[in-house]
């Protein structure tokens, strides 16, 4: 393990080294786009400073001082070699390096100044950050001018140059801060989008698991009852002296018990898959909107043109979002499948006294009168595939059971005009509200 950690650290250091070298090269090249504000001097105002600043703001994980040192040396060598090439060797390398040495000091001083505020940059308002960056830029420029004054033994005209350099520092700093803010906002939007996708995936997964877990728990209750009845039958038959029949019944009882134990293990595994930390509650409107969004994608996937409409007159936080989402997803997917090519699905939510009423209506093919009394019965379905096998969804009987588990009720509204089908869910508001 120690070797792997060492290898990871070495790889990270190599990656940072390459990034620092790349910043240095880009800065040196960008510095060639310049103006020389003071006649007769090598001092320049170029894009190199802005490029260097933007890189430091975007790559905060890099060691600033080392980055400034590498950049300063790279700029010194780049400009010295460039001067030798441009003058065809008329200027010696030593003199050229002495000429551009102050530029190296500028980048080093700038990096040192940036390291002072590095830990607090994230807390600064962009306007305040621009002020600090302007001061660092101004300080670095003055260090460069002072170094030129010492090297070339020329007067240090601080007062004459201060205003011009200050204006340049302000303009350059706020220009870079503007670009940096735009990039940061874009990154935040991308991150928010990724988090939203993850939340949607987890909601889909958890709502699907909830339906399976609910169904499995109900099956386990049935298995428990069968085990008890089977064992009672064994005792009664055994008491009559029919030993061979009694042994057979006992074997069946044991097999049923094994099925129950297998179901318990499956249930424990499913419960471990729940991500209970990503959301403690959801707004009722968010639950409905998410279910609509999921089924809008489903309708498009199967080639149907369906318009979803809503009328949400009540909204509050609920920590029962998984059962609600499971119910709404199932009802909406049934409505999508009931519509042949195109149609409308309407979802409403409103309060009525102490109750919350949810309705799902569709303009699909409708439900035959003979089937209306059976749609909530276990095993009932009107959906068969091409091979004649029944659908494998959780079904309306389990939707009804989930609603009942929340203390509510669901029924099919029978007085709808035309072929419109409407399911009405009635739930106690206090039961659904978070903390109730």
Protein backbone atom coordinates (compact mmCIF):
# COMPACT_ATOMS: atom_id res chain seq x y z
CA UNK A 1 0.00 0.00 0.00
CA UNK A 2 2.85 2.35 0.83
CA UNK A 3 4.32 1.76 -2.63
CA UNK A 4 1.01 2.57 -4.30
CA UNK A 5 0.66 5.79 -2.29
CA UNK A 6 4.19 6.74 -3.23
CA UNK A 7 3.46 6.04 -6.88
CA UNK A 8 0.28 8.13 -6.77
CA UNK A 9 2.16 11.02 -5.17
CA UNK A 10 4.93 10.79 -7.76
CA UNK A 11 2.37 10.80 -10.56
CA UNK A 12 0.65 13.84 -9.06
CA UNK A 13 3.96 15.70 -8.77
CA UNK A 14 4.79 14.89 -12.40
CA UNK A 15 1.39 16.14 -13.49
CA UNK A 16 1.82 19.39 -11.54
CA UNK A 17 5.31 19.80 -12.99
CA UNK A 18 3.99 19.51 -16.53
CA UNK A 19 1.23 22.01 -15.75
CA UNK A 20 3.74 24.54 -14.36
CA UNK A 21 5.97 24.15 -17.43
CA UNK A 22 2.96 24.61 -19.73
CA UNK A 23 1.95 27.79 -17.85
CA UNK A 24 5.50 29.10 -18.19
CA UNK A 25 5.64 28.47 -21.95
CA UNK A 26 2.18 29.95 -22.62
CA UNK A 27 3.01 33.01 -20.50
CA UNK A 28 6.30 33.57 -22.31
CA UNK A 29 4.61 33.42 -25.71
CA UNK A 30 1.68 35.62 -24.61
CA UNK A 31 4.18 38.21 -23.32
CA UNK A 32 5.22 38.93 -26.89
CA UNK A 33 1.86 40.64 -27.48
CA UNK A 34 2.92 43.87 -25.80
CA UNK A 35 3.32 47.62 -25.68
CA UNK A 36 6.30 49.57 -24.27
CA UNK A 37 4.82 52.54 -22.37
CA UNK A 38 8.12 54.22 -21.47
CA UNK A 39 10.32 55.27 -24.41
CA UNK A 40 13.86 54.09 -24.29
CA UNK A 41 13.12 51.28 -21.81
CA UNK A 42 12.64 47.53 -22.17
CA UNK A 43 9.76 47.57 -19.64
CA UNK A 44 6.64 46.25 -21.34
CA UNK A 45 2.89 45.81 -20.72
CA UNK A 46 1.91 42.52 -22.32
CA UNK A 47 -0.60 39.69 -22.25
CA UNK A 48 1.87 37.50 -20.40
CA UNK A 49 0.88 38.97 -17.04
CA UNK A 50 -2.84 38.46 -17.70
CA UNK A 51 -2.24 34.91 -18.91
CA UNK A 52 -0.12 34.10 -15.86
CA UNK A 53 -2.76 35.52 -13.49
CA UNK A 54 -5.61 33.62 -15.14
CA UNK A 55 -3.67 30.35 -14.94
CA UNK A 56 -3.00 30.87 -11.22
CA UNK A 57 -6.68 31.57 -10.57
CA UNK A 58 -7.83 28.49 -12.47
CA UNK A 59 -5.16 26.11 -11.13
CA UNK A 60 -5.20 26.84 -7.41
CA UNK A 61 -3.80 23.40 -6.56
CA UNK A 62 -0.38 24.35 -7.97
CA UNK A 63 2.36 25.71 -5.68
CA UNK A 64 2.33 29.38 -6.66
CA UNK A 65 5.90 30.27 -5.72
CA UNK A 66 7.41 27.35 -7.66
CA UNK A 67 5.14 28.20 -10.59
CA UNK A 68 6.34 31.82 -10.50
CA UNK A 69 9.97 30.74 -10.33
CA UNK A 70 9.64 28.37 -13.32
CA UNK A 71 7.69 30.98 -15.29
CA UNK A 72 10.21 33.73 -14.51
CA UNK A 73 13.15 31.58 -15.62
CA UNK A 74 11.30 30.50 -18.76
CA UNK A 75 10.42 34.11 -19.67
CA UNK A 76 14.06 35.15 -19.08
CA UNK A 77 15.45 32.41 -21.33
CA UNK A 78 12.76 32.89 -23.98
CA UNK A 79 13.33 36.64 -24.31
CA UNK A 80 17.09 36.33 -24.17
CA UNK A 81 17.21 33.72 -26.90
CA UNK A 82 14.67 35.68 -28.94
CA UNK A 83 16.81 38.84 -28.69
CA UNK A 84 19.86 36.91 -29.90
CA UNK A 85 17.95 35.54 -32.88
CA UNK A 86 16.37 38.88 -33.81
CA UNK A 87 19.74 40.69 -33.70
CA UNK A 88 21.57 37.85 -35.46
CA UNK A 89 23.95 37.50 -32.52
CA UNK A 90 24.77 41.22 -32.26
CA UNK A 91 23.62 41.18 -28.62
CA UNK A 92 25.42 38.76 -26.31
CA UNK A 93 23.40 36.23 -24.36
CA UNK A 94 24.78 37.57 -21.07
CA UNK A 95 23.73 41.15 -21.80
CA UNK A 96 20.32 39.99 -23.02
CA UNK A 97 19.73 37.98 -19.84
CA UNK A 98 20.77 40.96 -17.73
CA UNK A 99 18.30 43.11 -19.66
CA UNK A 100 15.38 40.75 -19.08
CA UNK A 101 16.26 39.71 -15.52
CA UNK A 102 13.77 42.26 -14.04
CA UNK A 103 10.95 40.54 -15.95
CA UNK A 104 11.83 37.31 -14.18
CA UNK A 105 11.65 39.13 -10.84
CA UNK A 106 8.17 40.43 -11.80
CA UNK A 107 6.72 36.93 -12.15
CA UNK A 108 8.40 35.70 -8.99
CA UNK A 109 7.14 38.69 -6.99
CA UNK A 110 3.67 38.28 -8.50
CA UNK A 111 3.58 34.59 -7.49
CA UNK A 112 4.71 35.43 -3.95
CA UNK A 113 1.94 38.02 -3.65
CA UNK A 114 -0.63 35.53 -4.96
CA UNK A 115 0.51 32.93 -2.43
CA UNK A 116 -0.31 35.40 0.38
CA UNK A 117 -4.01 35.54 -0.57
CA UNK A 118 -4.33 32.02 -2.04
CA UNK A 119 -6.23 30.53 0.90
CA UNK A 120 -8.71 33.41 1.06
CA UNK A 121 -9.40 33.98 -2.65
CA UNK A 122 -12.54 31.84 -2.60
CA UNK A 123 -14.08 34.09 0.07
CA UNK A 124 -13.48 37.36 -1.79
CA UNK A 125 -16.18 39.11 -3.78
CA UNK A 126 -14.96 39.62 -7.38
CA UNK A 127 -14.68 43.38 -6.82
CA UNK A 128 -12.56 42.87 -3.69
CA UNK A 129 -10.47 40.21 -5.44
CA UNK A 130 -9.80 42.69 -8.26
CA UNK A 131 -8.46 45.24 -5.75
CA UNK A 132 -6.04 42.74 -4.21
CA UNK A 133 -4.86 41.54 -7.63
CA UNK A 134 -4.32 45.13 -8.74
CA UNK A 135 -2.15 45.81 -5.67
CA UNK A 136 -0.12 42.65 -6.31
CA UNK A 137 0.32 43.62 -9.96
CA UNK A 138 1.34 47.15 -8.99
CA UNK A 139 3.83 45.86 -6.42
CA UNK A 140 5.36 43.43 -8.93
CA UNK A 141 5.66 46.12 -11.60
CA UNK A 142 7.40 48.47 -9.16
CA UNK A 143 9.84 45.70 -8.21
CA UNK A 144 10.61 45.21 -11.91
CA UNK A 145 11.13 48.97 -12.45
CA UNK A 146 13.32 49.21 -9.33
CA UNK A 147 15.43 46.29 -10.56
CA UNK A 148 15.88 47.99 -13.95
CA UNK A 149 16.90 51.19 -12.22
CA UNK A 150 19.56 49.35 -10.22
CA UNK A 151 20.86 47.22 -13.10
CA UNK A 152 21.09 50.07 -15.64
CA UNK A 153 21.89 52.82 -13.09
CA UNK A 154 18.98 55.00 -14.22
CA UNK A 155 16.72 57.30 -12.12
CA UNK A 156 13.80 55.56 -10.43
CA UNK A 157 10.82 57.68 -11.53
CA UNK A 158 8.21 56.22 -9.20
CA UNK A 159 5.87 59.21 -9.05
CA UNK A 160 5.86 59.73 -12.83
CA UNK A 161 5.06 56.08 -13.58
CA UNK A 162 2.71 55.24 -10.69
CA UNK A 163 -0.54 56.54 -12.17
CA UNK A 164 -0.05 54.83 -15.52
CA UNK A 165 0.99 51.52 -13.98
CA UNK A 166 -1.88 51.65 -11.48
CA UNK A 167 -4.44 52.14 -14.22
CA UNK A 168 -2.94 49.27 -16.20
CA UNK A 169 -2.97 47.05 -13.10
CA UNK A 170 -6.65 47.82 -12.43
CA UNK A 171 -7.75 47.24 -16.01
CA UNK A 172 -5.74 44.05 -16.36
CA UNK A 173 -6.83 42.61 -13.01
CA UNK A 174 -10.55 43.23 -13.49
CA UNK A 175 -10.35 41.95 -17.07
CA UNK A 176 -8.91 38.66 -15.81
CA UNK A 177 -11.34 38.49 -12.88
CA UNK A 178 -14.19 38.84 -15.38
CA UNK A 179 -12.90 35.92 -17.45
CA UNK A 180 -12.26 33.88 -14.31
CA UNK A 181 -15.77 34.54 -13.00
CA UNK A 182 -17.30 33.48 -16.32
CA UNK A 183 -15.30 30.24 -16.30
CA UNK A 184 -16.23 29.60 -12.65
CA UNK A 185 -19.94 30.15 -13.34
CA UNK A 186 -19.76 27.76 -16.29
CA UNK A 187 -18.04 25.13 -14.12
CA UNK A 188 -20.69 25.56 -11.42
CA UNK A 189 -23.44 25.08 -14.00
CA UNK A 190 -21.79 21.93 -15.31
CA UNK A 191 -21.35 20.63 -11.74
CA UNK A 192 -24.97 21.43 -10.92
CA UNK A 193 -26.09 19.64 -14.06
CA UNK A 194 -24.05 16.56 -13.14
CA UNK A 195 -25.42 16.60 -9.59
CA UNK A 196 -28.94 16.93 -10.96
CA UNK A 197 -28.39 13.93 -13.24
CA UNK A 198 -27.01 11.90 -10.34
CA UNK A 199 -30.00 12.81 -8.18
CA UNK A 200 -32.39 11.80 -10.96
CA UNK A 201 -30.58 8.49 -11.39
CA UNK A 202 -30.68 7.81 -7.66
CA UNK A 203 -34.36 8.76 -7.46
CA UNK A 204 -35.18 6.41 -10.33
CA UNK A 205 -33.17 3.63 -8.75
CA UNK A 206 -34.54 4.15 -5.26
CA UNK A 207 -38.16 4.45 -6.37
CA UNK A 208 -37.77 1.25 -8.38
CA UNK A 209 -36.17 -0.49 -5.40
CA UNK A 210 -38.91 0.76 -3.12
CA UNK A 211 -41.55 -0.94 -5.26
CA UNK A 212 -39.57 -4.18 -5.31
CA UNK A 213 -38.93 -4.07 -1.56
CA UNK A 214 -42.59 -3.37 -0.84
CA UNK A 215 -43.62 -6.27 -3.06
CA UNK A 216 -41.03 -8.58 -1.48
CA UNK A 217 -42.10 -7.69 2.06
CA UNK A 218 -45.70 -8.42 1.15
CA UNK A 219 -44.66 -11.77 -0.36
CA UNK A 220 -42.72 -12.60 2.81
CA UNK A 221 -45.86 -11.99 4.90
CA UNK A 222 -47.71 -14.41 2.65
CA UNK A 223 -44.89 -16.96 2.96
CA UNK A 224 -44.98 -16.59 6.75
CA UNK A 225 -48.70 -17.32 6.76
CA UNK A 226 -48.23 -20.32 4.47
CA UNK A 227 -45.49 -21.68 6.73
CA UNK A 228 -47.72 -21.43 9.79
CA UNK A 229 -50.70 -23.03 8.01
CA UNK A 230 -48.52 -25.79 6.59
CA UNK A 231 -47.07 -26.58 10.01
CA UNK A 232 -50.53 -26.66 11.57
CA UNK A 233 -51.65 -29.03 8.81
CA UNK A 234 -48.62 -31.25 9.54
CA UNK A 235 -49.55 -31.50 13.22
CA UNK A 236 -53.16 -32.34 12.44
CA UNK A 237 -52.26 -35.01 9.87
CA UNK A 238 -49.54 -36.43 12.10
CA UNK A 239 -52.08 -36.71 14.91
CA UNK A 240 -54.32 -38.89 12.73
CA UNK A 241 -51.56 -41.45 12.28
CA UNK A 242 -50.90 -40.75 8.59
CA UNK A 243 -47.14 -40.58 9.09
CA UNK A 244 -46.07 -40.65 5.42
CA UNK A 245 -48.42 -37.78 4.53
CA UNK A 246 -47.29 -35.89 7.60
CA UNK A 247 -43.61 -36.23 6.57
CA UNK A 248 -44.41 -34.93 3.09
CA UNK A 249 -46.25 -31.93 4.56
CA UNK A 250 -43.31 -31.30 6.92
CA UNK A 251 -40.88 -31.34 3.97
CA UNK A 252 -43.09 -28.82 2.16
CA UNK A 253 -43.14 -26.67 5.30
CA UNK A 254 -39.34 -26.77 5.49
CA UNK A 255 -39.04 -25.84 1.81
CA UNK A 256 -41.40 -22.89 2.32
CA UNK A 257 -39.26 -21.82 5.28
CA UNK A 258 -36.14 -21.97 3.07
CA UNK A 259 -37.87 -19.74 0.51
CA UNK A 260 -38.61 -17.30 3.33
CA UNK A 261 -34.94 -17.25 4.40
CA UNK A 262 -33.83 -16.68 0.80
CA UNK A 263 -36.32 -13.82 0.53
CA UNK A 264 -34.95 -12.30 3.74
CA UNK A 265 -31.41 -12.37 2.32
CA UNK A 266 -32.61 -10.75 -0.93
CA UNK A 267 -34.48 -8.10 1.05
CA UNK A 268 -31.39 -7.32 3.13
CA UNK A 269 -29.36 -6.93 -0.08
CA UNK A 270 -31.92 -4.60 -1.64
CA UNK A 271 -32.05 -2.43 1.48
CA UNK A 272 -28.26 -1.99 1.33
CA UNK A 273 -28.63 -0.51 -2.15
CA UNK A 274 -30.73 2.41 -0.92
CA UNK A 275 -28.89 5.74 -0.99
CA UNK A 276 -30.58 7.35 2.01
CA UNK A 277 -28.14 10.24 2.31
CA UNK A 278 -28.63 12.09 -0.97
CA UNK A 279 -32.04 13.55 -0.01
CA UNK A 280 -33.91 13.60 3.30
CA UNK A 281 -37.07 15.08 1.85
CA UNK A 282 -38.56 16.52 -1.32
CA UNK A 283 -41.23 19.05 -2.12
CA UNK A 284 -44.48 17.58 -3.36
CA UNK A 285 -44.20 19.60 -6.58
CA UNK A 286 -40.66 18.27 -7.13
CA UNK A 287 -41.87 14.68 -6.80
CA UNK A 288 -44.60 15.23 -9.40
CA UNK A 289 -42.32 17.16 -11.76
CA UNK A 290 -39.64 14.47 -11.54
CA UNK A 291 -42.17 11.71 -12.29
CA UNK A 292 -43.44 13.71 -15.27
CA UNK A 293 -39.91 14.30 -16.55
CA UNK A 294 -39.10 10.58 -16.34
CA UNK A 295 -42.26 9.58 -18.19
CA UNK A 296 -41.85 12.33 -20.76
CA UNK A 297 -38.57 10.66 -21.68
CA UNK A 298 -40.30 7.26 -21.64
CA UNK A 299 -43.03 8.45 -23.99
CA UNK A 300 -40.45 9.83 -26.40
CA UNK A 301 -38.48 6.59 -26.27
CA UNK A 302 -41.50 4.55 -27.39
CA UNK A 303 -42.40 7.07 -30.08
CA UNK A 304 -45.46 8.74 -28.58
CA UNK A 305 -46.29 12.44 -28.61
CA UNK A 306 -47.77 13.16 -25.22
CA UNK A 307 -48.39 16.51 -23.59
CA UNK A 308 -48.15 16.65 -19.81
CA UNK A 309 -50.09 19.35 -17.95
CA UNK A 310 -50.24 20.12 -14.22
CA UNK A 311 -52.40 21.99 -11.76
CA UNK A 312 -50.49 22.05 -8.44
CA UNK A 313 -52.32 24.04 -5.79
CA UNK A 314 -50.58 22.56 -2.74
CA UNK A 315 -46.89 22.08 -2.00
CA UNK A 316 -44.88 21.07 1.06
CA UNK A 317 -41.87 19.00 2.16
CA UNK A 318 -42.39 15.26 2.53
CA UNK A 319 -40.03 12.53 3.70
CA UNK A 320 -42.35 9.95 2.05
CA UNK A 321 -41.06 10.91 -1.38
CA UNK A 322 -40.05 7.37 -2.39
CA UNK A 323 -43.49 5.75 -2.02
CA UNK A 324 -45.11 8.82 -3.60
CA UNK A 325 -42.66 8.74 -6.49
CA UNK A 326 -43.20 5.00 -6.95
CA UNK A 327 -46.98 5.51 -7.10
CA UNK A 328 -46.81 8.51 -9.46
CA UNK A 329 -44.29 6.82 -11.76
CA UNK A 330 -46.48 3.74 -12.06
CA UNK A 331 -49.69 5.68 -12.73
CA UNK A 332 -48.01 7.95 -15.28
CA UNK A 333 -46.32 5.05 -17.10
CA UNK A 334 -49.70 3.29 -17.27
CA UNK A 335 -51.19 6.46 -18.79
CA UNK A 336 -48.35 6.69 -21.33
CA UNK A 337 -48.94 3.08 -22.37
CA UNK A 338 -52.72 3.62 -22.56
CA UNK A 339 -52.31 6.40 -25.15
CA UNK A 340 -51.89 4.99 -28.65
CA UNK A 341 -50.00 7.68 -30.57
CA UNK A 342 -50.66 11.08 -29.07
CA UNK A 343 -52.65 12.51 -26.23
CA UNK A 344 -52.63 14.41 -22.95
CA UNK A 345 -51.86 13.44 -19.37
CA UNK A 346 -52.94 15.82 -16.63
CA UNK A 347 -51.70 15.73 -13.02
CA UNK A 348 -53.25 17.77 -10.23
CA UNK A 349 -52.56 18.24 -6.53
CA UNK A 350 -54.78 20.15 -4.16
CA UNK A 351 -55.87 20.23 -0.55
CA UNK A 352 -59.28 19.31 0.77
CA UNK A 353 -59.59 19.85 4.48
CA UNK A 354 -56.98 17.64 6.19
CA UNK A 355 -56.37 15.67 2.98
CA UNK A 356 -54.10 15.95 -0.04
CA UNK A 357 -55.72 14.90 -3.30
CA UNK A 358 -53.58 13.74 -6.24
CA UNK A 359 -55.14 12.92 -9.61
CA UNK A 360 -53.72 11.46 -12.82
CA UNK A 361 -55.90 11.72 -15.94
CA UNK A 362 -55.19 10.59 -19.48
CA UNK A 363 -56.92 10.61 -22.85
CA UNK A 364 -55.94 7.03 -23.60
CA UNK A 365 -58.02 4.06 -24.68
CA UNK A 366 -59.82 3.95 -21.34
CA UNK A 367 -60.82 0.98 -19.17
CA UNK A 368 -63.72 -1.27 -20.09
CA UNK A 369 -66.69 -1.21 -17.71
CA UNK A 370 -66.32 -4.93 -17.02
CA UNK A 371 -62.70 -4.41 -15.93
CA UNK A 372 -63.18 -1.38 -13.68
CA UNK A 373 -64.06 -3.53 -10.68
CA UNK A 374 -61.01 -5.75 -11.16
CA UNK A 375 -58.14 -3.34 -11.91
CA UNK A 376 -56.90 -3.30 -8.30
CA UNK A 377 -57.04 -7.09 -7.92
CA UNK A 378 -53.69 -8.93 -7.63
CA UNK A 379 -52.49 -10.29 -10.95
CA UNK A 380 -54.87 -8.23 -13.06
CA UNK A 381 -53.35 -6.66 -16.18
CA UNK A 382 -54.47 -5.54 -19.60
CA UNK A 383 -50.91 -5.39 -20.94
CA UNK A 384 -49.46 -8.36 -22.82
CA UNK A 385 -46.41 -8.53 -25.05
CA UNK A 386 -46.27 -10.06 -28.54
CA UNK A 387 -45.65 -13.52 -27.08
CA UNK A 388 -48.76 -13.24 -24.91
CA UNK A 389 -46.96 -12.87 -21.58
CA UNK A 390 -48.38 -10.46 -19.01
CA UNK A 391 -46.56 -7.28 -18.00
CA UNK A 392 -44.13 -7.53 -15.07
CA UNK A 393 -44.62 -4.06 -13.49
CA UNK A 394 -45.63 -3.71 -9.86
CA UNK A 395 -49.28 -3.36 -10.95
CA UNK A 396 -52.18 -1.34 -9.64
CA UNK A 397 -52.79 -3.78 -6.77
CA UNK A 398 -49.38 -2.91 -5.32
CA UNK A 399 -49.94 0.79 -6.06
CA UNK A 400 -53.11 0.49 -3.99
CA UNK A 401 -51.20 -1.31 -1.21
CA UNK A 402 -48.51 1.40 -1.12
CA UNK A 403 -51.19 4.09 -0.89
CA UNK A 404 -52.90 2.11 1.90
CA UNK A 405 -49.57 1.82 3.74
CA UNK A 406 -49.53 5.63 3.88
CA UNK A 407 -53.03 5.63 5.34
CA UNK A 408 -54.63 6.76 2.10
CA UNK A 409 -56.93 5.47 -0.61
CA UNK A 410 -56.99 5.28 -4.42
CA UNK A 411 -59.93 4.81 -6.72
CA UNK A 412 -60.86 5.12 -10.38
CA UNK A 413 -63.20 8.02 -11.08
CA UNK A 414 -66.11 6.56 -13.00
CA UNK A 415 -67.91 9.71 -14.11
CA UNK A 416 -65.24 10.94 -16.53
CA UNK A 417 -66.46 12.14 -19.98
CA UNK A 418 -65.55 10.16 -23.07
CA UNK A 419 -62.60 7.83 -22.85
CA UNK A 420 -60.75 9.89 -20.23
CA UNK A 421 -59.39 7.85 -17.31
CA UNK A 422 -58.70 9.44 -13.94
CA UNK A 423 -57.14 7.89 -10.85
CA UNK A 424 -57.71 9.77 -7.58
CA UNK A 425 -55.37 9.36 -4.60
CA UNK A 426 -56.46 10.62 -1.20
CA UNK A 427 -53.80 11.00 1.53
CA UNK A 428 -53.68 12.63 4.94
CA UNK A 429 -51.61 15.82 4.65
CA UNK A 430 -50.18 15.49 8.17
CA UNK A 431 -48.92 12.00 7.33
CA UNK A 432 -47.06 13.22 4.25
CA UNK A 433 -45.58 16.40 5.68
CA UNK A 434 -42.00 16.15 6.88
CA UNK A 435 -41.79 15.83 10.62
CA UNK A 436 -45.46 14.98 10.98
